[in-house]
Amino acid sequence: MSSANVKYSEAVKRLEEILENIDRSSVGIDELADLVKEASDLIKTCRALLTSSERSVKESLDALEPSSPTYS
């Protein structure tokens, strides 16, 4: 799964799949390194998406705040 343009829920679902495969020991050592790399990339993507969402929500909430009056 490419992390470009992936949705948060899709990334989390894929992370869960990777963890299940590793927990069940159904992956060989060769595949394990690739899965760990993919999981690492997905975690970075999730963090970036969460940060972006947090910033967007904060901007939206800040826009609701009345601006302070300016006194001359």
N, C-alpha and C. Protein backbone atom coordinates (compact mmCIF):
# COMPACT_ATOMS: atom_id res chain seq x y z
N MET A 1 0.85 -1.18 0.00
CA MET A 1 0.00 0.00 0.00
C MET A 1 0.89 1.24 0.00
N SER A 2 0.67 2.10 -0.95
CA SER A 2 1.40 3.36 -1.02
C SER A 2 0.80 4.33 -0.01
N SER A 3 1.66 5.06 0.69
CA SER A 3 1.15 5.97 1.72
C SER A 3 0.70 7.30 1.13
N ALA A 4 0.93 7.52 -0.17
CA ALA A 4 0.48 8.76 -0.80
C ALA A 4 -1.03 8.70 -0.99
N ASN A 5 -1.71 9.75 -0.54
CA ASN A 5 -3.16 9.88 -0.67
C ASN A 5 -3.96 8.77 0.00
N VAL A 6 -3.39 8.14 1.01
CA VAL A 6 -4.11 7.11 1.74
C VAL A 6 -4.93 7.77 2.84
N LYS A 7 -6.10 7.23 3.10
CA LYS A 7 -6.94 7.74 4.18
C LYS A 7 -6.48 7.13 5.49
N TYR A 8 -6.74 7.86 6.57
CA TYR A 8 -6.34 7.41 7.90
C TYR A 8 -6.91 6.03 8.20
N SER A 9 -8.20 5.84 7.95
CA SER A 9 -8.84 4.56 8.26
C SER A 9 -8.24 3.41 7.45
N GLU A 10 -7.86 3.69 6.21
CA GLU A 10 -7.22 2.66 5.39
C GLU A 10 -5.84 2.30 5.95
N ALA A 11 -5.11 3.31 6.37
CA ALA A 11 -3.77 3.07 6.93
C ALA A 11 -3.86 2.25 8.21
N VAL A 12 -4.82 2.59 9.07
CA VAL A 12 -4.99 1.86 10.32
C VAL A 12 -5.39 0.41 10.05
N LYS A 13 -6.28 0.22 9.09
CA LYS A 13 -6.72 -1.13 8.73
C LYS A 13 -5.52 -1.96 8.25
N ARG A 14 -4.69 -1.37 7.41
CA ARG A 14 -3.51 -2.10 6.90
C ARG A 14 -2.54 -2.38 8.04
N LEU A 15 -2.36 -1.45 8.95
CA LEU A 15 -1.50 -1.69 10.11
C LEU A 15 -2.01 -2.87 10.93
N GLU A 16 -3.33 -2.94 11.11
CA GLU A 16 -3.91 -4.06 11.85
C GLU A 16 -3.65 -5.38 11.13
N GLU A 17 -3.76 -5.37 9.81
CA GLU A 17 -3.48 -6.59 9.03
C GLU A 17 -2.03 -7.02 9.21
N ILE A 18 -1.13 -6.07 9.15
CA ILE A 18 0.29 -6.38 9.32
C ILE A 18 0.54 -6.98 10.70
N LEU A 19 -0.03 -6.38 11.72
CA LEU A 19 0.15 -6.88 13.08
C LEU A 19 -0.42 -8.29 13.25
N GLU A 20 -1.58 -8.53 12.65
CA GLU A 20 -2.16 -9.87 12.72
C GLU A 20 -1.22 -10.90 12.08
N ASN A 21 -0.69 -10.57 10.92
CA ASN A 21 0.23 -11.48 10.23
C ASN A 21 1.47 -11.76 11.06
N ILE A 22 2.00 -10.73 11.68
CA ILE A 22 3.20 -10.90 12.50
C ILE A 22 2.86 -11.70 13.76
N ASP A 23 1.72 -11.38 14.40
CA ASP A 23 1.31 -12.09 15.61
C ASP A 23 1.11 -13.59 15.35
N ARG A 24 0.54 -13.91 14.20
CA ARG A 24 0.29 -15.31 13.87
C ARG A 24 1.55 -16.02 13.36
N SER A 25 2.62 -15.26 13.24
CA SER A 25 3.88 -15.80 12.73
C SER A 25 3.71 -16.40 11.34
N SER A 26 2.81 -15.80 10.56
CA SER A 26 2.56 -16.33 9.23
C SER A 26 3.44 -15.69 8.17
N VAL A 27 4.45 -14.94 8.61
CA VAL A 27 5.37 -14.32 7.65
C VAL A 27 6.77 -14.86 7.86
N GLY A 28 7.45 -15.00 6.75
CA GLY A 28 8.85 -15.42 6.82
C GLY A 28 9.74 -14.25 7.17
N ILE A 29 10.95 -14.55 7.50
CA ILE A 29 11.90 -13.52 7.91
C ILE A 29 12.17 -12.52 6.78
N ASP A 30 12.13 -13.01 5.55
CA ASP A 30 12.35 -12.12 4.41
C ASP A 30 11.22 -11.10 4.27
N GLU A 31 10.00 -11.56 4.46
CA GLU A 31 8.85 -10.68 4.35
C GLU A 31 8.71 -9.76 5.56
N LEU A 32 9.22 -10.20 6.70
CA LEU A 32 9.10 -9.42 7.93
C LEU A 32 9.72 -8.04 7.80
N ALA A 33 10.89 -7.96 7.22
CA ALA A 33 11.56 -6.66 7.06
C ALA A 33 10.71 -5.72 6.20
N ASP A 34 10.13 -6.26 5.13
CA ASP A 34 9.29 -5.43 4.27
C ASP A 34 8.04 -4.95 5.01
N LEU A 35 7.44 -5.83 5.80
CA LEU A 35 6.24 -5.46 6.56
C LEU A 35 6.54 -4.41 7.62
N VAL A 36 7.68 -4.54 8.27
CA VAL A 36 8.06 -3.55 9.29
C VAL A 36 8.28 -2.20 8.63
N LYS A 37 8.91 -2.18 7.47
CA LYS A 37 9.13 -0.92 6.74
C LYS A 37 7.79 -0.31 6.34
N GLU A 38 6.88 -1.14 5.82
CA GLU A 38 5.56 -0.66 5.43
C GLU A 38 4.81 -0.10 6.64
N ALA A 39 4.88 -0.80 7.76
CA ALA A 39 4.20 -0.34 8.98
C ALA A 39 4.78 0.99 9.44
N SER A 40 6.08 1.12 9.37
CA SER A 40 6.74 2.37 9.75
C SER A 40 6.26 3.53 8.87
N ASP A 41 6.18 3.29 7.58
CA ASP A 41 5.69 4.33 6.65
C ASP A 41 4.23 4.69 6.95
N LEU A 42 3.42 3.68 7.24
CA LEU A 42 2.02 3.92 7.55
C LEU A 42 1.85 4.72 8.85
N ILE A 43 2.67 4.42 9.83
CA ILE A 43 2.62 5.16 11.10
C ILE A 43 2.99 6.62 10.86
N LYS A 44 4.01 6.87 10.05
CA LYS A 44 4.39 8.25 9.72
C LYS A 44 3.24 8.96 9.01
N THR A 45 2.59 8.25 8.10
CA THR A 45 1.45 8.82 7.38
C THR A 45 0.32 9.15 8.35
N CYS A 46 0.01 8.24 9.26
CA CYS A 46 -1.05 8.48 10.24
C CYS A 46 -0.73 9.70 11.10
N ARG A 47 0.50 9.82 11.53
CA ARG A 47 0.89 10.98 12.34
C ARG A 47 0.71 12.27 11.56
N ALA A 48 1.11 12.26 10.29
CA ALA A 48 0.97 13.45 9.46
C ALA A 48 -0.50 13.81 9.25
N LEU A 49 -1.33 12.79 9.02
CA LEU A 49 -2.76 13.03 8.83
C LEU A 49 -3.40 13.57 10.11
N LEU A 50 -3.01 13.03 11.25
CA LEU A 50 -3.55 13.52 12.52
C LEU A 50 -3.12 14.96 12.78
N THR A 51 -1.87 15.27 12.50
CA THR A 51 -1.37 16.62 12.69
C THR A 51 -2.11 17.60 11.79
N SER A 52 -2.31 17.21 10.55
CA SER A 52 -3.03 18.05 9.59
C SER A 52 -4.48 18.26 10.04
N SER A 53 -5.12 17.21 10.49
CA SER A 53 -6.51 17.32 10.97
C SER A 53 -6.59 18.21 12.20
N GLU A 54 -5.65 18.04 13.10
CA GLU A 54 -5.63 18.85 14.31
C GLU A 54 -5.48 20.33 13.95
N ARG A 55 -4.58 20.63 13.03
CA ARG A 55 -4.36 22.01 12.60
C ARG A 55 -5.64 22.58 11.96
N SER A 56 -6.28 21.79 11.13
CA SER A 56 -7.50 22.22 10.45
C SER A 56 -8.63 22.51 11.45
N VAL A 57 -8.79 21.63 12.43
CA VAL A 57 -9.81 21.83 13.46
C VAL A 57 -9.50 23.08 14.27
N LYS A 58 -8.24 23.26 14.63
CA LYS A 58 -7.85 24.44 15.40
C LYS A 58 -8.14 25.71 14.61
N GLU A 59 -7.81 25.72 13.32
CA GLU A 59 -8.09 26.90 12.49
C GLU A 59 -9.59 27.18 12.42
N SER A 60 -10.37 26.13 12.30
CA SER A 60 -11.83 26.29 12.25
C SER A 60 -12.37 26.86 13.56
N LEU A 61 -11.87 26.35 14.66
CA LEU A 61 -12.31 26.85 15.97
C LEU A 61 -11.85 28.27 16.20
N ASP A 62 -10.62 28.57 15.79
CA ASP A 62 -10.11 29.94 15.94
C ASP A 62 -10.93 30.93 15.13
N ALA A 63 -11.42 30.49 13.98
CA ALA A 63 -12.24 31.37 13.14
C ALA A 63 -13.58 31.70 13.80
N LEU A 64 -14.01 30.86 14.72
CA LEU A 64 -15.28 31.10 15.43
C LEU A 64 -15.12 32.11 16.58
N GLU A 65 -13.90 32.28 17.03
CA GLU A 65 -13.64 33.20 18.14
C GLU A 65 -13.83 34.63 17.66
N PRO A 66 -14.54 35.43 18.45
CA PRO A 66 -14.68 36.84 18.07
C PRO A 66 -13.30 37.51 18.18
N SER A 67 -13.02 38.35 17.22
CA SER A 67 -11.73 39.03 17.28
C SER A 67 -11.77 40.10 18.36
N SER A 68 -10.64 40.34 18.97
CA SER A 68 -10.55 41.34 20.03
C SER A 68 -10.74 42.73 19.44
N PRO A 69 -11.50 43.55 20.10
CA PRO A 69 -11.68 44.91 19.58
C PRO A 69 -10.37 45.69 19.68
N THR A 70 -10.13 46.52 18.73
CA THR A 70 -8.92 47.35 18.72
C THR A 70 -9.30 48.76 19.17
N TYR A 71 -8.63 49.23 20.17
CA TYR A 71 -8.93 50.57 20.71
C TYR A 71 -7.85 51.54 20.25
N SER A 72 -8.29 52.71 19.85
CA SER A 72 -7.35 53.73 19.39
C SER A 72 -7.10 54.73 20.48
